[in-house]
C-alpha atoms as a PDB file:
ATOM      1  CA  UNK A   1     128.773  35.889 141.737  1.00  0.00           C
ATOM      2  CA  UNK A   2     131.745  35.514 139.368  1.00  0.00           C
ATOM      3  CA  UNK A   3     129.566  34.393 136.429  1.00  0.00           C
ATOM      4  CA  UNK A   4     127.880  37.415 134.923  1.00  0.00           C
ATOM      5  CA  UNK A   5     125.936  38.325 131.825  1.00  0.00           C
ATOM      6  CA  UNK A   6     127.384  41.062 129.640  1.00  0.00           C
ATOM      7  CA  UNK A   7     124.703  43.409 128.355  1.00  0.00           C
ATOM      8  CA  UNK A   8     125.090  44.575 124.725  1.00  0.00           C
ATOM      9  CA  UNK A   9     125.900  48.120 125.884  1.00  0.00           C
ATOM     10  CA  UNK A  10     128.714  46.721 128.077  1.00  0.00           C
ATOM     11  CA  UNK A  11     130.301  44.839 125.180  1.00  0.00           C
ATOM     12  CA  UNK A  12     132.978  47.469 124.414  1.00  0.00           C
ATOM     13  CA  UNK A  13     134.357  47.127 127.956  1.00  0.00           C
ATOM     14  CA  UNK A  14     134.839  43.330 127.817  1.00  0.00           C
ATOM     15  CA  UNK A  15     135.090  42.335 124.144  1.00  0.00           C
ATOM     16  CA  UNK A  16     138.890  42.713 123.926  1.00  0.00           C
ATOM     17  CA  UNK A  17     139.194  40.123 126.713  1.00  0.00           C
ATOM     18  CA  UNK A  18     136.280  37.817 125.806  1.00  0.00           C
ATOM     19  CA  UNK A  19     136.920  37.630 122.048  1.00  0.00           C
ATOM     20  CA  UNK A  20     140.291  35.803 122.259  1.00  0.00           C
ATOM     21  CA  UNK A  21     138.767  33.290 124.700  1.00  0.00           C
ATOM     22  CA  UNK A  22     135.894  32.593 122.312  1.00  0.00           C
ATOM     23  CA  UNK A  23     138.237  32.523 119.325  1.00  0.00           C
ATOM     24  CA  UNK A  24     139.944  29.447 120.792  1.00  0.00           C
ATOM     25  CA  UNK A  25     136.616  27.626 120.571  1.00  0.00           C
ATOM     26  CA  UNK A  26     136.021  28.932 117.044  1.00  0.00           C
ATOM     27  CA  UNK A  27     139.441  27.619 116.010  1.00  0.00           C
ATOM     28  CA  UNK A  28     138.192  24.056 116.679  1.00  0.00           C
ATOM     29  CA  UNK A  29     135.668  24.450 113.827  1.00  0.00           C
ATOM     30  CA  UNK A  30     136.552  27.629 111.916  1.00  0.00           C
ATOM     31  CA  UNK A  31     133.953  27.059 109.192  1.00  0.00           C
ATOM     32  CA  UNK A  32     131.073  27.264 111.679  1.00  0.00           C
ATOM     33  CA  UNK A  33     131.214  30.949 112.658  1.00  0.00           C
ATOM     34  CA  UNK A  34     133.516  33.950 112.786  1.00  0.00           C
ATOM     35  CA  UNK A  35     134.307  36.144 115.766  1.00  0.00           C
ATOM     36  CA  UNK A  36     132.724  39.060 113.899  1.00  0.00           C
ATOM     37  CA  UNK A  37     129.458  37.134 113.607  1.00  0.00           C
ATOM     38  CA  UNK A  38     129.577  36.354 117.321  1.00  0.00           C
ATOM     39  CA  UNK A  39     130.169  40.009 118.202  1.00  0.00           C
ATOM     40  CA  UNK A  40     127.243  41.081 116.002  1.00  0.00           C
ATOM     41  CA  UNK A  41     124.913  38.485 117.548  1.00  0.00           C
ATOM     42  CA  UNK A  42     125.794  39.639 121.074  1.00  0.00           C
ATOM     43  CA  UNK A  43     125.611  43.338 120.188  1.00  0.00           C
ATOM     44  CA  UNK A  44     122.137  42.917 118.660  1.00  0.00           C
ATOM     45  CA  UNK A  45     120.849  40.825 121.577  1.00  0.00           C
ATOM     46  CA  UNK A  46     120.330  37.595 119.649  1.00  0.00           C
ATOM     47  CA  UNK A  47     123.084  35.817 121.588  1.00  0.00           C
ATOM     48  CA  UNK A  48     123.929  36.175 125.259  1.00  0.00           C
ATOM     49  CA  UNK A  49     127.520  36.569 126.436  1.00  0.00           C
ATOM     50  CA  UNK A  50     128.460  35.336 129.898  1.00  0.00           C
ATOM     51  CA  UNK A  51     131.897  35.824 131.420  1.00  0.00           C
ATOM     52  CA  UNK A  52     133.604  34.225 134.384  1.00  0.00           C
ATOM     53  CA  UNK A  53     135.051  37.165 136.310  1.00  0.00           C
ATOM     54  CA  UNK A  54     137.505  35.749 138.845  1.00  0.00           C
ATOM     55  CA  UNK A  55     137.944  38.031 141.894  1.00  0.00           C
ATOM     56  CA  UNK A  56     141.314  39.812 141.869  1.00  0.00           C
ATOM     57  CA  UNK A  57     142.141  38.266 138.463  1.00  0.00           C
ATOM     58  CA  UNK A  58     139.514  39.490 135.996  1.00  0.00           C
ATOM     59  CA  UNK A  59     137.771  37.694 133.155  1.00  0.00           C
ATOM     60  CA  UNK A  60     139.183  34.206 132.660  1.00  0.00           C
ATOM     61  CA  UNK A  61     136.383  32.576 130.675  1.00  0.00           C
ATOM     62  CA  UNK A  62     133.568  33.388 128.253  1.00  0.00           C
ATOM     63  CA  UNK A  63     130.541  31.567 126.880  1.00  0.00           C
ATOM     64  CA  UNK A  64     127.825  32.431 124.365  1.00  0.00           C
ATOM     65  CA  UNK A  65     124.279  31.129 124.657  1.00  0.00           C
ATOM     66  CA  UNK A  66     121.227  31.212 122.387  1.00  0.00           C
ATOM     67  CA  UNK A  67     117.729  30.144 123.404  1.00  0.00           C
ATOM     68  CA  UNK A  68     115.664  27.846 121.203  1.00  0.00           C
ATOM     69  CA  UNK A  69     111.936  27.671 121.860  1.00  0.00           C
ATOM     70  CA  UNK A  70     110.067  24.470 121.103  1.00  0.00           C
ATOM     71  CA  UNK A  71     106.383  23.798 121.846  1.00  0.00           C
ATOM     72  CA  UNK A  72     107.128  22.016 125.138  1.00  0.00           C
ATOM     73  CA  UNK A  73     110.580  23.241 126.142  1.00  0.00           C
ATOM     74  CA  UNK A  74     113.019  26.129 126.038  1.00  0.00           C
ATOM     75  CA  UNK A  75     116.584  25.034 125.321  1.00  0.00           C
ATOM     76  CA  UNK A  76     119.634  27.058 126.267  1.00  0.00           C
ATOM     77  CA  UNK A  77     122.117  26.243 123.502  1.00  0.00           C
ATOM     78  CA  UNK A  78     125.748  26.902 124.376  1.00  0.00           C
ATOM     79  CA  UNK A  79     127.501  27.979 121.179  1.00  0.00           C
ATOM     80  CA  UNK A  80     131.041  28.744 122.290  1.00  0.00           C
ATOM     81  CA  UNK A  81     133.022  28.292 125.481  1.00  0.00           C
ATOM     82  CA  UNK A  82     136.579  29.376 126.082  1.00  0.00           C
ATOM     83  CA  UNK A  83     138.932  30.102 128.926  1.00  0.00           C
ATOM     84  CA  UNK A  84     140.698  28.331 131.707  1.00  0.00           C
ATOM     85  CA  UNK A  85     137.950  28.599 134.299  1.00  0.00           C
ATOM     86  CA  UNK A  86     134.820  27.627 132.408  1.00  0.00           C
ATOM     87  CA  UNK A  87     134.618  23.825 132.496  1.00  0.00           C
ATOM     88  CA  UNK A  88     134.296  23.343 136.239  1.00  0.00           C
ATOM     89  CA  UNK A  89     131.272  22.035 138.097  1.00  0.00           C
ATOM     90  CA  UNK A  90     130.605  25.157 140.186  1.00  0.00           C
ATOM     91  CA  UNK A  91     130.787  27.357 137.059  1.00  0.00           C
ATOM     92  CA  UNK A  92     128.424  24.997 135.246  1.00  0.00           C
ATOM     93  CA  UNK A  93     126.049  25.095 138.230  1.00  0.00           C
ATOM     94  CA  UNK A  94     125.984  28.913 138.116  1.00  0.00           C
ATOM     95  CA  UNK A  95     125.403  28.811 134.346  1.00  0.00           C
ATOM     96  CA  UNK A  96     122.502  26.374 134.788  1.00  0.00           C
ATOM     97  CA  UNK A  97     120.937  28.709 137.364  1.00  0.00           C
ATOM     98  CA  UNK A  98     121.306  31.625 134.929  1.00  0.00           C
ATOM     99  CA  UNK A  99     119.708  29.543 132.142  1.00  0.00           C
ATOM    100  CA  UNK A 100     116.793  28.613 134.407  1.00  0.00           C
ATOM    101  CA  UNK A 101     116.280  32.307 135.217  1.00  0.00           C
ATOM    102  CA  UNK A 102     115.657  32.845 131.477  1.00  0.00           C
ATOM    103  CA  UNK A 103     113.092  30.036 131.407  1.00  0.00           C
ATOM    104  CA  UNK A 104     115.290  27.258 130.033  1.00  0.00           C
ATOM    105  CA  UNK A 105     114.085  23.739 130.700  1.00  0.00           C
ATOM    106  CA  UNK A 106     117.143  22.087 129.112  1.00  0.00           C
ATOM    107  CA  UNK A 107     120.697  23.006 128.198  1.00  0.00           C
ATOM    108  CA  UNK A 108     122.621  21.659 125.246  1.00  0.00           C
ATOM    109  CA  UNK A 109     125.809  22.115 123.273  1.00  0.00           C
ATOM    110  CA  UNK A 110     127.336  20.523 120.226  1.00  0.00           C
ATOM    111  CA  UNK A 111     130.500  18.565 120.757  1.00  0.00           C
ATOM    112  CA  UNK A 112     132.762  16.224 118.856  1.00  0.00           C
ATOM    113  CA  UNK A 113     135.905  14.267 119.553  1.00  0.00           C
ATOM    114  CA  UNK A 114     137.425  14.498 122.998  1.00  0.00           C
ATOM    115  CA  UNK A 115     134.983  17.249 124.019  1.00  0.00           C
ATOM    116  CA  UNK A 116     132.227  14.630 124.266  1.00  0.00           C
ATOM    117  CA  UNK A 117     134.025  12.822 127.088  1.00  0.00           C
ATOM    118  CA  UNK A 118     134.754  16.106 128.880  1.00  0.00           C
ATOM    119  CA  UNK A 119     131.081  17.123 128.813  1.00  0.00           C
ATOM    120  CA  UNK A 120     129.965  13.658 129.925  1.00  0.00           C
ATOM    121  CA  UNK A 121     132.154  14.101 133.017  1.00  0.00           C
ATOM    122  CA  UNK A 122     130.196  17.301 133.709  1.00  0.00           C
ATOM    123  CA  UNK A 123     126.946  15.315 133.666  1.00  0.00           C
ATOM    124  CA  UNK A 124     125.811  15.991 130.102  1.00  0.00           C
ATOM    125  CA  UNK A 125     124.282  13.127 128.165  1.00  0.00           C
ATOM    126  CA  UNK A 126     124.992  12.381 124.507  1.00  0.00           C
ATOM    127  CA  UNK A 127     121.415  12.273 123.190  1.00  0.00           C
ATOM    128  CA  UNK A 128     121.662  12.838 119.431  1.00  0.00           C
ATOM    129  CA  UNK A 129     124.068  12.623 116.566  1.00  0.00           C
ATOM    130  CA  UNK A 130     123.786  15.555 114.178  1.00  0.00           C
ATOM    131  CA  UNK A 131     123.794  14.629 110.512  1.00  0.00           C
ATOM    132  CA  UNK A 132     124.484  17.442 108.058  1.00  0.00           C
ATOM    133  CA  UNK A 133     124.717  18.126 104.358  1.00  0.00           C
ATOM    134  CA  UNK A 134     126.114  21.270 102.775  1.00  0.00           C
ATOM    135  CA  UNK A 135     123.529  23.076 100.614  1.00  0.00           C
END
């Protein structure tokens, strides 16, 4: 299976490849998070790092996922996605299977602009608009 979870103790072997892929997603909203914060969250086990490891090519995509537990559901929240091989239906299907294996009942991500249309093509539904105020 080309989609695989990177355990925190495996992070040093893949971070130099995964970090630039995730940084491209961070660059879309640089005030949201830094790559150092992402690395810390993965290293401490708060955030999961998945990579798309293409046979005979290597890692071509990376995604970070947090789980949010509500009283009646467990949501897999995709924080960052980057790379040339991530937004494809068979990759998304593998990711959904991985999320289900961790007990997720739903998957979500935040998106704005042209990303909304891209995710809708993958079968995601725009269910909420997030309103925010800086404190």
